[in-house]
Amino acid sequence: MSAHAWQRSSYCAQGEACVNVSAVSTGAIALTESGDPSGVILRTTPTAWAALVRALKETRAQTVFATDLAAG
């Protein structure tokens, strides 16, 4: 991997299908695929990253709620 201090999601399985995240000294957020850490590195703003994480959490919560309702 590069000099970034990468973090892997706690939801990541033991496989290589994960996203690694790193805070960059410029204030940006860097993202890369764990299966190819030396490949493409995407950069985004902390605001955009927070919006994505919030949307994913909301979607997950809605899915869990709908699954619980269906299970009765």
N, C-alpha and C. Protein backbone atom coordinates (compact mmCIF):
# COMPACT_ATOMS: atom_id res chain seq x y z
N MET A 1 0.84 -1.19 0.00
CA MET A 1 0.00 0.00 0.00
C MET A 1 0.87 1.24 0.00
N SER A 2 0.27 2.36 -0.25
CA SER A 2 1.01 3.60 -0.27
C SER A 2 1.25 4.10 1.15
N ALA A 3 1.73 5.32 1.27
CA ALA A 3 2.04 5.90 2.58
C ALA A 3 0.80 6.29 3.37
N HIS A 4 -0.36 6.12 2.81
CA HIS A 4 -1.60 6.43 3.53
C HIS A 4 -1.76 5.50 4.73
N ALA A 5 -2.38 5.99 5.78
CA ALA A 5 -2.73 5.15 6.93
C ALA A 5 -4.15 4.63 6.67
N TRP A 6 -4.23 3.53 5.93
CA TRP A 6 -5.52 2.99 5.50
C TRP A 6 -6.26 2.34 6.66
N GLN A 7 -7.57 2.48 6.67
CA GLN A 7 -8.45 1.80 7.62
C GLN A 7 -9.45 0.99 6.82
N ARG A 8 -9.71 -0.21 7.29
CA ARG A 8 -10.68 -1.09 6.65
C ARG A 8 -11.94 -1.12 7.51
N SER A 9 -13.09 -1.16 6.87
CA SER A 9 -14.35 -1.18 7.57
C SER A 9 -14.45 -2.37 8.52
N SER A 10 -15.08 -2.15 9.66
CA SER A 10 -15.31 -3.25 10.61
C SER A 10 -16.34 -4.23 10.06
N TYR A 11 -17.07 -3.83 9.02
CA TYR A 11 -18.05 -4.71 8.39
C TYR A 11 -17.43 -5.58 7.31
N CYS A 12 -16.16 -5.39 7.05
CA CYS A 12 -15.48 -6.11 5.99
C CYS A 12 -15.31 -7.58 6.37
N ALA A 13 -15.66 -8.44 5.45
CA ALA A 13 -15.44 -9.87 5.67
C ALA A 13 -13.94 -10.13 5.56
N GLN A 14 -13.53 -11.35 5.75
CA GLN A 14 -12.12 -11.66 5.69
C GLN A 14 -11.59 -11.69 4.26
N GLY A 15 -12.44 -11.53 3.30
CA GLY A 15 -12.02 -11.50 1.90
C GLY A 15 -11.39 -10.18 1.52
N GLU A 16 -11.31 -9.96 0.24
CA GLU A 16 -10.69 -8.73 -0.26
C GLU A 16 -11.69 -7.80 -0.93
N ALA A 17 -12.96 -7.94 -0.62
CA ALA A 17 -13.98 -7.10 -1.24
C ALA A 17 -14.35 -5.95 -0.30
N CYS A 18 -13.38 -5.11 -0.02
CA CYS A 18 -13.58 -4.03 0.94
C CYS A 18 -13.08 -2.71 0.37
N VAL A 19 -13.46 -1.65 1.01
CA VAL A 19 -12.96 -0.33 0.67
C VAL A 19 -12.08 0.13 1.82
N ASN A 20 -10.91 0.63 1.48
CA ASN A 20 -10.01 1.19 2.48
C ASN A 20 -10.15 2.71 2.44
N VAL A 21 -10.10 3.33 3.62
CA VAL A 21 -10.29 4.77 3.76
C VAL A 21 -9.09 5.36 4.48
N SER A 22 -8.69 6.57 4.08
CA SER A 22 -7.58 7.25 4.73
C SER A 22 -7.82 8.75 4.69
N ALA A 23 -7.51 9.41 5.79
CA ALA A 23 -7.53 10.88 5.81
C ALA A 23 -6.20 11.36 5.24
N VAL A 24 -6.26 12.28 4.30
CA VAL A 24 -5.06 12.80 3.64
C VAL A 24 -4.68 14.13 4.28
N SER A 25 -3.40 14.43 4.28
CA SER A 25 -2.92 15.65 4.93
C SER A 25 -3.54 16.93 4.36
N THR A 26 -4.04 16.87 3.14
CA THR A 26 -4.68 18.04 2.53
C THR A 26 -6.10 18.26 3.05
N GLY A 27 -6.58 17.35 3.88
CA GLY A 27 -7.94 17.43 4.39
C GLY A 27 -8.92 16.58 3.61
N ALA A 28 -8.47 15.97 2.54
CA ALA A 28 -9.33 15.12 1.72
C ALA A 28 -9.45 13.73 2.35
N ILE A 29 -10.36 12.96 1.82
CA ILE A 29 -10.54 11.56 2.19
C ILE A 29 -10.14 10.73 0.98
N ALA A 30 -9.26 9.75 1.18
CA ALA A 30 -8.82 8.87 0.10
C ALA A 30 -9.48 7.51 0.26
N LEU A 31 -9.88 6.91 -0.86
CA LEU A 31 -10.53 5.60 -0.87
C LEU A 31 -9.84 4.71 -1.89
N THR A 32 -9.66 3.44 -1.55
CA THR A 32 -9.13 2.48 -2.50
C THR A 32 -9.74 1.12 -2.22
N GLU A 33 -9.70 0.26 -3.21
CA GLU A 33 -10.22 -1.10 -3.08
C GLU A 33 -9.15 -1.97 -2.41
N SER A 34 -9.55 -2.76 -1.43
CA SER A 34 -8.58 -3.60 -0.72
C SER A 34 -7.99 -4.68 -1.61
N GLY A 35 -8.71 -5.11 -2.62
CA GLY A 35 -8.21 -6.13 -3.52
C GLY A 35 -7.11 -5.62 -4.44
N ASP A 36 -7.01 -4.30 -4.59
CA ASP A 36 -5.99 -3.69 -5.45
C ASP A 36 -5.52 -2.38 -4.82
N PRO A 37 -4.88 -2.46 -3.65
CA PRO A 37 -4.52 -1.25 -2.91
C PRO A 37 -3.51 -0.35 -3.63
N SER A 38 -2.78 -0.89 -4.58
CA SER A 38 -1.83 -0.06 -5.32
C SER A 38 -2.47 0.53 -6.58
N GLY A 39 -3.75 0.26 -6.77
CA GLY A 39 -4.46 0.75 -7.94
C GLY A 39 -4.96 2.16 -7.76
N VAL A 40 -6.11 2.43 -8.30
CA VAL A 40 -6.69 3.77 -8.31
C VAL A 40 -7.03 4.21 -6.88
N ILE A 41 -6.70 5.45 -6.58
CA ILE A 41 -7.07 6.05 -5.30
C ILE A 41 -8.03 7.20 -5.61
N LEU A 42 -9.24 7.11 -5.08
CA LEU A 42 -10.23 8.17 -5.25
C LEU A 42 -10.10 9.13 -4.09
N ARG A 43 -10.31 10.41 -4.36
CA ARG A 43 -10.27 11.41 -3.30
C ARG A 43 -11.59 12.17 -3.29
N THR A 44 -12.06 12.50 -2.08
CA THR A 44 -13.30 13.23 -1.93
C THR A 44 -13.17 14.17 -0.73
N THR A 45 -14.17 15.00 -0.55
CA THR A 45 -14.16 15.91 0.59
C THR A 45 -14.74 15.21 1.81
N PRO A 46 -14.38 15.67 3.00
CA PRO A 46 -15.00 15.09 4.21
C PRO A 46 -16.52 15.23 4.22
N THR A 47 -17.04 16.33 3.67
CA THR A 47 -18.49 16.54 3.62
C THR A 47 -19.16 15.49 2.73
N ALA A 48 -18.60 15.24 1.55
CA ALA A 48 -19.17 14.24 0.65
C ALA A 48 -19.06 12.85 1.25
N TRP A 49 -17.94 12.54 1.90
CA TRP A 49 -17.75 11.24 2.54
C TRP A 49 -18.79 11.04 3.64
N ALA A 50 -18.98 12.06 4.46
CA ALA A 50 -19.96 11.97 5.55
C ALA A 50 -21.37 11.76 5.00
N ALA A 51 -21.69 12.43 3.90
CA ALA A 51 -23.02 12.26 3.28
C ALA A 51 -23.20 10.84 2.77
N LEU A 52 -22.17 10.27 2.17
CA LEU A 52 -22.25 8.89 1.68
C LEU A 52 -22.43 7.91 2.84
N VAL A 53 -21.64 8.07 3.88
CA VAL A 53 -21.74 7.17 5.04
C VAL A 53 -23.12 7.28 5.68
N ARG A 54 -23.61 8.52 5.82
CA ARG A 54 -24.95 8.72 6.40
C ARG A 54 -26.02 8.04 5.54
N ALA A 55 -25.94 8.19 4.22
CA ALA A 55 -26.93 7.57 3.33
C ALA A 55 -26.87 6.05 3.42
N LEU A 56 -25.66 5.50 3.49
CA LEU A 56 -25.53 4.04 3.61
C LEU A 56 -26.11 3.54 4.92
N LYS A 57 -25.85 4.26 6.00
CA LYS A 57 -26.41 3.86 7.31
C LYS A 57 -27.92 3.93 7.30
N GLU A 58 -28.49 4.99 6.70
CA GLU A 58 -29.94 5.12 6.64
C GLU A 58 -30.56 4.01 5.80
N THR A 59 -29.93 3.68 4.69
CA THR A 59 -30.42 2.61 3.83
C THR A 59 -30.36 1.28 4.55
N ARG A 60 -29.27 1.04 5.26
CA ARG A 60 -29.12 -0.20 6.02
C ARG A 60 -30.18 -0.29 7.11
N ALA A 61 -30.42 0.80 7.82
CA ALA A 61 -31.42 0.81 8.88
C ALA A 61 -32.81 0.53 8.31
N GLN A 62 -33.13 1.12 7.16
CA GLN A 62 -34.42 0.88 6.52
C GLN A 62 -34.57 -0.57 6.09
N THR A 63 -33.48 -1.16 5.58
CA THR A 63 -33.50 -2.56 5.15
C THR A 63 -33.71 -3.48 6.34
N VAL A 64 -33.02 -3.23 7.43
CA VAL A 64 -33.17 -4.05 8.64
C VAL A 64 -34.59 -3.92 9.17
N PHE A 65 -35.12 -2.71 9.20
CA PHE A 65 -36.48 -2.49 9.68
C PHE A 65 -37.48 -3.24 8.82
N ALA A 66 -37.33 -3.15 7.49
CA ALA A 66 -38.26 -3.83 6.58
C ALA A 66 -38.15 -5.35 6.75
N THR A 67 -36.94 -5.86 6.95
CA THR A 67 -36.75 -7.30 7.15
C THR A 67 -37.41 -7.75 8.45
N ASP A 68 -37.27 -6.94 9.50
CA ASP A 68 -37.91 -7.27 10.78
C ASP A 68 -39.44 -7.28 10.65
N LEU A 69 -39.99 -6.32 9.90
CA LEU A 69 -41.44 -6.28 9.70
C LEU A 69 -41.91 -7.52 8.93
N ALA A 70 -41.16 -7.91 7.92
CA ALA A 70 -41.53 -9.07 7.11
C ALA A 70 -41.45 -10.36 7.90
N ALA A 71 -40.53 -10.42 8.86
CA ALA A 71 -40.37 -11.63 9.66
C ALA A 71 -41.49 -11.76 10.70
N GLY A 72 -42.14 -10.64 10.96
CA GLY A 72 -43.30 -10.65 11.81
C GLY A 72 -43.00 -10.58 13.23
